Amino acid sequence: MRAQETNEQNDERLLIEAAKRDPGRFADLYESNFERVYAYIAGRVRDRDMAQDLTAEVFQQALANIGHFEWRGVPFMAWLMRIASNAIADRWQRNAKEPPLPDDPPEEEGTDDQIERRAMLSELVDALPPDQRHVVLRRFVDQRSIREIAHELQRSEGAIKQLQFRALQTLRMNLRSTRNG
């Protein structure tokens, strides 16, 4: 098994080096990684068009930055997943900053409805398990990076991302049930 892994790593490394010399050779890396990147993104955004757009964006960024990629024995897929994760986060931030759609009534600052929604969201955040609540507050209220929170809680960045994902998933589910119930 070890020999097979080493051969796969060597093959991948050769593909990367070839793509660095000739961007036309990037197609081999694209073909061997497309399905996993798409599946990763589609599992997080749940919108087919957005998943396709983000997947294309990931490979465009990877191609544009392949010259900066340094082989450190970590699979190329890990680099692509980091690009994908950042692309998803960037898209969410852009969407959050977009103005409301024209058919949405404009919200006035401090309306009773808005205050009520903030209070409800605050209650939902308070109901999260302590670690998830801490990550949500540090990330979205204090605007801390994943790395800063990981250092603070003495956990891996992956663990913090997982806590954030679970917290947001729980908040979405509880928000829907509150609206429907």
Protein backbone atom coordinates (compact mmCIF):
# COMPACT_ATOMS: atom_id res chain seq x y z
CA MET A 1 0.00 0.00 0.00
CA ARG A 2 2.83 2.40 0.88
CA ALA A 3 4.48 1.89 -2.52
CA GLN A 4 1.18 2.67 -4.25
CA GLU A 5 0.76 5.88 -2.22
CA THR A 6 4.33 6.91 -3.03
CA ASN A 7 3.77 6.26 -6.74
CA GLU A 8 0.53 8.30 -6.66
CA GLN A 9 2.31 11.14 -4.87
CA ASN A 10 5.16 11.04 -7.41
CA ASP A 11 2.68 11.04 -10.29
CA GLU A 12 0.83 13.98 -8.74
CA ARG A 13 4.08 15.84 -8.16
CA LEU A 14 5.08 15.31 -11.79
CA LEU A 15 1.70 16.60 -12.96
CA ILE A 16 2.13 19.71 -10.80
CA GLU A 17 5.64 20.37 -12.09
CA ALA A 18 4.44 19.91 -15.69
CA ALA A 19 1.55 22.36 -15.10
CA LYS A 20 3.97 24.90 -13.65
CA ARG A 21 6.07 24.74 -16.83
CA ASP A 22 3.11 24.55 -19.24
CA PRO A 23 -0.34 25.74 -18.06
CA GLY A 24 -1.88 23.58 -20.79
CA ARG A 25 -0.88 20.54 -18.72
CA PHE A 26 -3.13 21.71 -15.87
CA ALA A 27 -5.97 19.80 -17.54
CA ASP A 28 -4.64 16.53 -16.07
CA LEU A 29 -4.84 17.96 -12.54
CA TYR A 30 -8.31 19.31 -13.30
CA GLU A 31 -9.54 15.93 -14.56
CA SER A 32 -8.18 13.99 -11.59
CA ASN A 33 -9.57 16.39 -8.96
CA PHE A 34 -12.75 17.89 -10.43
CA GLU A 35 -15.28 15.43 -8.99
CA ARG A 36 -14.00 15.67 -5.41
CA VAL A 37 -13.83 19.47 -5.48
CA TYR A 38 -17.33 19.71 -6.95
CA ALA A 39 -18.72 17.23 -4.40
CA TYR A 40 -17.09 19.19 -1.56
CA ILE A 41 -18.59 22.48 -2.73
CA ALA A 42 -22.01 21.04 -3.64
CA GLY A 43 -22.28 19.55 -0.16
CA ARG A 44 -21.83 22.98 1.37
CA VAL A 45 -23.75 25.36 -0.87
CA ARG A 46 -26.67 23.10 -1.89
CA ASP A 47 -27.31 25.17 -5.03
CA ARG A 48 -26.23 23.51 -8.26
CA ASP A 49 -25.51 26.70 -10.21
CA MET A 50 -23.50 28.19 -7.36
CA ALA A 51 -21.59 24.91 -6.90
CA GLN A 52 -20.69 24.89 -10.59
CA ASP A 53 -19.63 28.55 -10.50
CA LEU A 54 -17.54 28.06 -7.38
CA THR A 55 -15.90 24.91 -8.75
CA ALA A 56 -14.90 26.81 -11.89
CA GLU A 57 -13.61 29.65 -9.71
CA VAL A 58 -11.50 27.22 -7.65
CA PHE A 59 -9.79 25.77 -10.71
CA GLN A 60 -9.27 29.23 -12.23
CA GLN A 61 -7.55 30.35 -9.02
CA ALA A 62 -5.54 27.13 -8.85
CA LEU A 63 -4.36 27.56 -12.45
CA ALA A 64 -3.52 31.23 -11.87
CA ASN A 65 -1.52 30.37 -8.73
CA ILE A 66 0.00 26.99 -9.67
CA GLY A 67 3.41 28.67 -9.91
CA HIS A 68 3.22 29.49 -6.19
CA PHE A 69 2.30 25.94 -5.15
CA GLU A 70 5.08 24.29 -3.16
CA TRP A 71 5.20 20.52 -2.86
CA ARG A 72 5.39 19.60 0.83
CA GLY A 73 4.23 16.00 0.65
CA VAL A 74 0.60 17.01 1.22
CA PRO A 75 -1.83 16.01 -1.53
CA PHE A 76 -2.65 18.67 -4.11
CA MET A 77 -6.30 18.11 -3.16
CA ALA A 78 -5.66 19.73 0.24
CA TRP A 79 -4.56 22.93 -1.53
CA LEU A 80 -7.64 22.81 -3.77
CA MET A 81 -9.91 22.29 -0.74
CA ARG A 82 -8.43 25.33 0.96
CA ILE A 83 -9.09 27.39 -2.17
CA ALA A 84 -12.64 25.96 -2.30
CA SER A 85 -13.27 26.72 1.36
CA ASN A 86 -12.09 30.31 0.89
CA ALA A 87 -14.20 30.70 -2.28
CA ILE A 88 -17.30 29.52 -0.43
CA ALA A 89 -16.65 31.89 2.47
CA ASP A 90 -16.02 34.79 0.07
CA ARG A 91 -19.28 34.06 -1.77
CA TRP A 92 -21.24 33.98 1.50
CA GLN A 93 -19.70 37.28 2.57
CA ARG A 94 -20.49 38.89 -0.80
CA ASN A 95 -24.07 37.59 -0.68
CA ALA A 96 -24.50 38.89 2.87
CA LYS A 97 -23.40 42.36 1.78
CA GLU A 98 -25.68 42.51 -1.25
CA PRO A 99 -28.69 44.82 -0.97
CA PRO A 100 -32.12 43.18 -0.59
CA LEU A 101 -33.90 42.08 -3.75
CA PRO A 102 -36.28 44.65 -5.26
CA ASP A 103 -39.39 42.74 -4.17
CA ASP A 104 -38.20 42.75 -0.55
CA PRO A 105 -39.51 45.73 1.42
CA PRO A 106 -36.69 48.00 2.55
CA GLU A 107 -35.98 47.62 6.24
CA GLU A 108 -35.68 50.68 8.39
CA GLU A 109 -32.98 50.76 11.01
CA GLY A 110 -34.32 49.61 14.36
CA THR A 111 -37.85 48.59 13.34
CA ASP A 112 -39.76 46.45 15.81
CA ASP A 113 -39.60 43.51 13.39
CA GLN A 114 -35.84 43.86 13.03
CA ILE A 115 -35.34 44.14 16.79
CA GLU A 116 -37.50 41.07 17.33
CA ARG A 117 -35.46 39.08 14.78
CA ARG A 118 -32.19 40.10 16.43
CA ALA A 119 -33.52 39.07 19.84
CA MET A 120 -34.67 35.72 18.47
CA LEU A 121 -31.30 35.12 16.80
CA SER A 122 -29.53 36.04 20.02
CA GLU A 123 -31.64 33.49 21.91
CA LEU A 124 -30.86 30.83 19.31
CA VAL A 125 -27.14 31.54 19.57
CA ASP A 126 -27.34 31.40 23.37
CA ALA A 127 -28.97 27.96 23.09
CA LEU A 128 -26.01 26.51 21.14
CA PRO A 129 -23.55 24.19 22.91
CA PRO A 130 -20.82 26.28 24.61
CA ASP A 131 -18.02 25.58 22.08
CA GLN A 132 -20.26 26.30 19.09
CA ARG A 133 -21.61 29.47 20.72
CA HIS A 134 -18.06 30.64 21.47
CA VAL A 135 -16.95 30.07 17.86
CA VAL A 136 -20.00 31.87 16.42
CA LEU A 137 -19.55 34.88 18.71
CA ARG A 138 -15.80 35.14 18.14
CA ARG A 139 -16.15 34.62 14.38
CA PHE A 140 -19.15 36.81 13.55
CA VAL A 141 -19.41 39.31 16.39
CA ASP A 142 -15.72 39.81 17.17
CA GLN A 143 -14.73 39.13 13.51
CA ARG A 144 -11.89 36.78 14.46
CA SER A 145 -10.23 34.45 11.95
CA ILE A 146 -10.46 30.67 12.15
CA ARG A 147 -6.75 30.61 12.95
CA GLU A 148 -7.15 33.04 15.87
CA ILE A 149 -10.03 31.06 17.34
CA ALA A 150 -8.14 27.78 16.91
CA HIS A 151 -5.18 29.24 18.76
CA GLU A 152 -7.40 30.61 21.51
CA LEU A 153 -9.23 27.30 22.04
CA GLN A 154 -6.08 25.23 21.45
CA ARG A 155 -7.76 23.22 18.69
CA SER A 156 -7.02 22.62 15.04
CA GLU A 157 -8.41 24.97 12.41
CA GLY A 158 -10.36 22.02 11.03
CA ALA A 159 -12.03 21.49 14.40
CA ILE A 160 -13.03 25.16 14.53
CA LYS A 161 -14.43 25.01 10.99
CA GLN A 162 -16.44 21.94 11.97
CA LEU A 163 -17.80 23.67 15.09
CA GLN A 164 -18.74 26.70 12.99
CA PHE A 165 -20.41 24.51 10.36
CA ARG A 166 -22.45 22.63 12.98
CA ALA A 167 -23.43 25.84 14.73
CA LEU A 168 -24.62 27.50 11.53
CA GLN A 169 -26.47 24.35 10.52
CA THR A 170 -28.23 24.26 13.92
CA LEU A 171 -29.05 27.96 13.73
CA ARG A 172 -30.55 27.58 10.24
CA MET A 173 -32.63 24.61 11.34
CA ASN A 174 -33.86 26.32 14.53
CA LEU A 175 -34.58 29.56 12.66
CA ARG A 176 -36.69 27.70 10.11
CA SER A 177 -38.62 25.83 12.80
CA THR A 178 -39.18 29.11 14.70
CA ARG A 179 -40.53 30.77 11.55
CA ASN A 180 -42.71 27.78 10.64
CA GLY A 181 -43.89 27.04 14.16
